[in-house]
């Protein structure tokens, strides 16, 4: 009975946050939007993905960044999975620049009743090449993320909260940014699912947060499987 009582309190807190955050976003005079489409092809326990994302700022009126990821993901035993990827992005920061990013991910998932907790660590290396005379720039980053998912009973819907920290190697290791998101994911069928999320990003050296809303769409291009397996993996911002 004590465990059930604790789970009920967690669920109430979870949905209080889910409902409360959109009111914060709506109250802001400026926000960004991050919208993406991902195509997946799965061979046994290995998934190959291509993701395209457009990030808009100034009340979602200006293109701030375009990203394209090529990802290979491998499911392992005991709730673990690993991932390797390359990302190309184009954005403006002291001049137009192209960024080439390489990263590896280790993730562990654990389920208790309808709650699924995910712990993720990511190591990435990026190189930025400017169009003008500014010198090229490279940087290592270490990102750590925790996600709490809740499976809505009776519906193919998953609600989630996530918190992620960013550490980079300037002259010393520096914690410089964090992200907090909440959202819901709806599975139309085994091939198609979509997510709506909202939250914010905050830099330690800036006063104002960046408030963000977004939509993700994911398409599995495999043929329909006869096995009825549910996908409990959360979305990665």
Foldseek 3Di string as FASTA:
>chain_A
DVVVVVVVVVVVVQVVCVVPQVVVLVPDPWAKEKEKEKEWEDDVQKIWMKMWIWIATRNRPHTFKIKIKTKIKGDDPQQKIKMWIWMWMWGDDVATKIKIKIKMKIKGWDDDVQKIKMKMKMKMKMWIDHPDPDDIDIWIKIKIKMKIWGCDPPFQKIKMKMKMWIWIPDVHIDTFKMWIKIWMKHAPDPFKIKIWMWTWMDTPPDDDIHTYIYMYIYGYPDDDDPDDDDDPDDDDD
